[in-house]
Protein backbone atom coordinates (compact mmCIF):
# COMPACT_ATOMS: atom_id res chain seq x y z
CA MET A 1 0.00 0.00 0.00
CA THR A 2 1.43 3.36 -1.05
CA ALA A 3 1.78 5.91 1.74
CA ARG A 4 -0.16 9.12 1.28
CA PRO A 5 2.04 12.17 0.63
CA PRO A 6 2.16 14.96 3.21
CA ALA A 7 -0.73 17.39 3.07
CA LEU A 8 1.76 20.25 2.78
CA GLU A 9 5.49 20.36 2.04
CA VAL A 10 7.72 23.42 2.16
CA ALA A 11 11.25 23.01 0.81
CA GLY A 12 13.98 25.66 0.85
CA LEU A 13 11.48 28.50 1.23
CA GLY A 14 12.96 31.97 1.09
CA VAL A 15 11.27 35.39 1.15
CA THR A 16 13.02 38.68 0.39
CA PHE A 17 11.55 42.15 0.80
CA ALA A 18 12.88 45.36 -0.74
CA ALA A 19 13.87 47.95 1.85
CA ARG A 20 15.86 51.14 2.11
CA GLY A 21 19.50 50.30 2.06
CA GLY A 22 18.99 46.91 0.40
CA ALA A 23 16.97 43.73 0.44
CA VAL A 24 15.81 42.07 3.67
CA ARG A 25 15.69 38.29 3.83
CA ALA A 26 12.63 37.68 6.00
CA VAL A 27 12.64 33.88 5.57
CA ARG A 28 15.76 31.82 4.87
CA ASP A 29 15.82 28.29 3.48
CA VAL A 30 12.93 26.95 5.58
CA SER A 31 11.83 23.34 5.06
CA PHE A 32 9.17 21.30 6.84
CA GLU A 33 6.15 19.15 6.10
CA VAL A 34 2.68 18.77 7.54
CA ALA A 35 1.42 15.20 7.48
CA ASP A 36 -2.07 14.41 6.31
CA GLY A 37 -4.38 15.18 9.24
CA GLU A 38 -1.60 16.73 11.34
CA SER A 39 -1.61 20.05 13.17
CA PHE A 40 1.82 21.69 12.84
CA GLY A 41 2.70 24.87 14.73
CA LEU A 42 5.19 27.65 14.06
CA VAL A 43 6.38 29.69 17.05
CA GLY A 44 8.93 32.42 17.57
CA GLU A 45 9.28 36.03 18.59
CA SER A 46 7.77 38.87 16.54
CA GLY A 47 9.60 39.34 13.26
CA SER A 48 10.90 35.77 13.15
CA GLY A 49 9.16 35.12 9.82
CA LYS A 50 6.43 32.73 10.89
CA SER A 51 3.47 34.74 9.51
CA THR A 52 5.44 35.54 6.36
CA ILE A 53 5.70 31.81 5.71
CA LEU A 54 1.91 31.48 5.73
CA ARG A 55 1.55 34.37 3.30
CA ALA A 56 4.21 32.92 1.04
CA ILE A 57 2.43 29.56 0.96
CA VAL A 58 -0.82 31.13 -0.27
CA GLY A 59 0.97 33.50 -2.66
CA LEU A 60 0.44 36.80 -0.85
CA VAL A 61 4.08 37.93 -0.93
CA PRO A 62 6.50 38.50 -3.86
CA GLU A 63 10.10 37.37 -4.26
CA VAL A 64 9.62 33.82 -3.01
CA THR A 65 12.11 31.02 -3.67
CA GLY A 66 11.85 27.31 -2.93
CA GLU A 67 9.02 24.86 -3.40
CA VAL A 68 5.56 24.35 -1.94
CA ARG A 69 3.71 21.07 -2.52
CA VAL A 70 0.14 20.18 -1.63
CA ALA A 71 -0.65 16.46 -1.49
CA GLY A 72 2.52 15.82 -3.49
CA SER A 73 1.77 18.33 -6.27
CA ARG A 74 4.15 21.24 -6.69
CA LEU A 75 2.53 24.67 -6.81
CA GLY A 76 3.55 27.15 -9.47
CA GLN A 77 4.85 30.65 -8.84
CA ARG A 78 1.30 32.00 -8.97
CA ARG A 79 -1.48 30.33 -7.05
CA THR A 80 -4.42 29.13 -9.10
CA ARG A 81 -8.04 28.95 -8.01
CA ALA A 82 -7.60 25.23 -7.53
CA ASP A 83 -4.61 25.90 -5.25
CA ARG A 84 -6.57 28.37 -3.16
CA ARG A 85 -9.51 26.01 -2.89
CA ARG A 86 -7.23 23.36 -1.34
CA MET A 87 -5.90 25.66 1.40
CA GLN A 88 -7.75 28.46 3.12
CA PHE A 89 -6.49 31.21 5.45
CA VAL A 90 -7.93 32.29 8.82
CA PHE A 91 -6.50 35.67 9.81
CA GLN A 92 -5.64 37.11 13.19
CA ASP A 93 -8.15 39.97 13.28
CA PRO A 94 -11.70 38.62 13.00
CA TYR A 95 -13.12 42.12 12.42
CA GLY A 96 -10.64 43.37 9.84
CA ALA A 97 -10.94 40.12 7.88
CA LEU A 98 -14.70 40.55 7.31
CA HIS A 99 -16.23 43.13 4.96
CA PRO A 100 -18.09 45.55 7.27
CA ARG A 101 -20.88 46.27 4.77
CA HIS A 102 -21.63 42.69 3.81
CA SER A 103 -24.05 40.46 5.68
CA ILE A 104 -22.73 37.31 7.30
CA GLY A 105 -24.56 35.20 4.74
CA ARG A 106 -22.88 37.06 1.89
CA ILE A 107 -19.45 36.84 3.53
CA VAL A 108 -19.67 33.05 3.89
CA ALA A 109 -21.13 32.68 0.39
CA GLU A 110 -18.40 34.71 -1.31
CA PRO A 111 -15.88 31.85 -1.82
CA LEU A 112 -18.64 29.71 -3.35
CA LEU A 113 -19.56 32.47 -5.78
CA ILE A 114 -15.92 33.07 -6.73
CA HIS A 115 -15.35 29.38 -7.44
CA GLY A 116 -18.68 28.88 -9.18
CA ILE A 117 -19.97 26.31 -6.71
CA GLY A 118 -23.73 25.87 -6.54
CA ASP A 119 -26.21 25.04 -3.78
CA VAL A 120 -25.08 28.21 -2.02
CA GLU A 121 -27.93 28.56 0.44
CA ARG A 122 -27.52 25.06 1.84
CA ARG A 123 -23.74 25.28 1.97
CA VAL A 124 -23.84 28.61 3.81
CA GLY A 125 -26.33 27.24 6.32
CA ASP A 126 -24.25 24.12 6.87
CA GLY A 127 -21.09 26.21 7.24
CA LEU A 128 -22.60 28.44 9.91
CA ALA A 129 -24.08 25.47 11.76
CA ALA A 130 -20.67 23.77 11.79
CA VAL A 131 -19.20 26.67 13.77
CA GLY A 132 -22.14 27.01 16.14
CA LEU A 133 -24.03 29.88 14.48
CA GLY A 134 -27.73 29.79 13.58
CA THR A 135 -29.79 30.96 10.63
CA GLU A 136 -30.51 34.22 12.49
CA HIS A 137 -26.89 35.26 11.98
CA ARG A 138 -27.12 35.24 8.18
CA THR A 139 -28.68 38.70 7.94
CA ARG A 140 -26.48 40.33 10.57
CA PHE A 141 -23.35 42.38 9.93
CA PRO A 142 -19.90 42.00 11.50
CA HIS A 143 -20.35 44.96 13.87
CA GLN A 144 -23.42 43.23 15.33
CA LEU A 145 -21.41 40.19 16.43
CA SER A 146 -18.98 39.58 19.26
CA GLY A 147 -15.30 38.96 18.54
CA GLY A 148 -15.72 35.23 19.04
CA GLN A 149 -18.72 35.13 16.70
CA ARG A 150 -16.78 37.05 14.05
CA GLN A 151 -13.96 34.53 14.22
CA ARG A 152 -16.51 31.73 13.86
CA VAL A 153 -17.74 33.44 10.69
CA ALA A 154 -14.16 33.65 9.39
CA ILE A 155 -13.73 29.92 10.05
CA ALA A 156 -17.04 29.11 8.34
CA ARG A 157 -15.96 31.12 5.30
CA ALA A 158 -12.66 29.22 5.19
CA LEU A 159 -14.38 25.84 5.48
CA VAL A 160 -17.23 26.38 3.03
CA LEU A 161 -15.01 25.26 0.13
CA GLU A 162 -14.19 22.07 2.08
CA PRO A 163 -10.40 22.55 1.87
CA PRO A 164 -8.12 19.84 3.30
CA ILE A 165 -5.72 22.44 4.76
CA LEU A 166 -6.29 25.46 7.02
CA LEU A 167 -3.57 28.08 7.54
CA LEU A 168 -4.20 29.78 10.89
CA ASP A 169 -2.39 33.04 11.67
CA GLU A 170 -2.76 33.82 15.38
CA PRO A 171 -6.47 32.90 15.18
CA THR A 172 -7.26 33.73 18.82
CA SER A 173 -4.78 36.43 19.83
CA ALA A 174 -7.34 39.23 19.38
CA LEU A 175 -9.91 37.49 21.62
CA ASP A 176 -10.51 37.34 25.37
CA VAL A 177 -8.91 34.32 27.05
CA SER A 178 -12.24 32.59 27.76
CA ILE A 179 -13.28 33.02 24.13
CA GLN A 180 -9.87 31.82 22.94
CA ALA A 181 -10.53 28.44 24.52
CA GLU A 182 -13.92 28.15 22.78
CA ILE A 183 -12.42 28.90 19.36
CA LEU A 184 -9.47 26.55 19.85
CA ASN A 185 -11.77 23.74 20.95
CA LEU A 186 -13.98 24.43 17.92
CA LEU A 187 -10.98 24.20 15.60
CA ALA A 188 -9.82 20.98 17.26
CA ARG A 189 -13.27 19.43 16.82
CA LEU A 190 -13.50 20.47 13.18
CA ARG A 191 -10.07 19.00 12.53
CA ARG A 192 -11.11 15.66 14.02
CA GLU A 193 -14.46 15.53 12.24
CA ARG A 194 -13.18 16.59 8.82
CA GLY A 195 -9.68 15.15 8.82
CA LEU A 196 -8.16 18.59 8.30
CA SER A 197 -4.49 19.47 8.33
CA PHE A 198 -3.49 22.67 10.17
CA LEU A 199 -0.52 24.99 9.88
CA LEU A 200 -0.88 27.22 12.95
CA VAL A 201 1.19 30.31 13.71
CA SER A 202 1.17 31.67 17.26
CA HIS A 203 3.38 33.55 19.70
CA ASP A 204 1.55 31.75 22.53
CA LEU A 205 3.27 28.47 23.38
CA ALA A 206 0.27 27.34 25.41
CA VAL A 207 -1.95 27.57 22.34
CA VAL A 208 0.52 25.63 20.22
CA ALA A 209 1.04 22.96 22.90
CA HIS A 210 -2.73 22.54 23.14
CA MET A 211 -3.42 22.42 19.40
CA CYS A 212 -0.42 20.91 17.64
CA ASP A 213 1.27 17.55 17.17
CA ARG A 214 4.64 19.05 16.23
CA VAL A 215 6.16 22.50 16.49
CA GLY A 216 8.71 24.40 14.42
CA VAL A 217 10.72 27.11 16.20
CA MET A 218 11.58 30.20 14.13
CA ARG A 219 14.39 32.67 14.82
CA GLY A 220 15.53 35.47 12.53
CA GLY A 221 13.82 33.96 9.50
CA GLU A 222 15.29 30.49 10.05
CA LEU A 223 13.71 27.28 11.33
CA VAL A 224 16.05 26.25 14.13
CA GLU A 225 14.23 23.17 15.43
CA VAL A 226 11.21 20.93 14.93
CA LEU A 227 10.05 19.10 18.04
CA PRO A 228 7.00 17.14 19.16
CA ALA A 229 4.46 19.03 21.23
CA ASP A 230 5.21 16.72 24.18
CA ALA A 231 8.78 18.04 24.21
CA LEU A 232 7.45 21.61 24.17
CA ARG A 233 5.23 20.87 27.16
CA ALA A 234 8.07 19.11 29.00
CA GLY A 235 10.60 21.83 28.19
CA THR A 236 13.01 19.34 26.64
CA ALA A 237 13.94 21.28 23.50
CA ALA A 238 17.35 20.50 22.05
CA HIS A 239 18.20 23.89 20.54
CA PRO A 240 19.34 26.57 23.04
CA TYR A 241 17.03 29.20 21.55
CA SER A 242 14.00 26.90 21.85
CA ALA A 243 14.87 26.29 25.49
CA GLU A 244 15.21 30.05 26.09
CA LEU A 245 11.86 30.69 24.43
CA ILE A 246 10.12 28.13 26.65
CA ALA A 247 11.81 29.49 29.79
CA ALA A 248 10.85 33.07 28.93
CA PHE A 249 7.25 32.05 28.31
CA ARG A 250 7.03 30.29 31.66
CA GLU A 251 8.36 33.34 33.48
CA MET A 252 5.79 35.68 31.99
CA GLN A 253 2.88 33.25 32.17
CA THR A 254 0.12 34.07 34.65
CA PRO A 255 -2.82 31.88 35.74
CA ARG A 256 -5.29 31.55 32.89
CA THR A 257 -8.91 30.54 32.51
CA GLY A 258 -10.35 28.25 29.87
CA THR A 259 -9.05 24.94 28.57
CA VAL A 260 -5.73 26.05 27.14
CA ALA A 261 -2.85 24.95 29.34
CA ALA A 262 0.65 26.40 29.40
CA PRO A 263 3.61 24.12 28.71
CA ALA A 264 4.16 22.16 31.91
């Protein structure tokens, strides 16, 4: 029996931005893979390149080198509609990511309309139900919803195309701690039920330890270590920077509510 290829493979990824005084290499020769059905996390301090990697994968940044493969198929320099249908993005800010003048029903329907997929009404209803929102939310607007509800809408919009991969960029950092736990538990349930693969970026090691199977540690645009989540929770990282990151997080961590636990 032939083994299934990884859901997502990144090989030798590099991202360069133009800046005054010369080019800036934001990401340098980063390689990793996300197994089919796996949740893989990227952590690191601000500016380490982790969010830039997500944007490079979906084709939102220029000057990218290296390869990206989805289910074994190499993506071209420009992402096609088929590429975008296979991987959807959930952004950090649940308010800024939603059009303020569009109803929730229209927001969730938009990907279906772009890709020419029919049965829109049913699919929108099913998408909202999957994230715990009812039919009464379809006619509301983003400003009429709480932060947690807005992020549920963003997740429904991402899932309505039934992609196998979700790219999650700090999906709970703009929410209250109690709401963070609800959204993370929702994502975990959806992953189990739908067999999704996640690439999750977060500065919060507790979130990554709770959500991910393996973790990549970024520093200065480079991937310095990949370790299992158990090692993150136990504080047994091999690379000195990873160990420093865990130690610093523990020092600044305060008692939290909800179901997300800090690395033990």
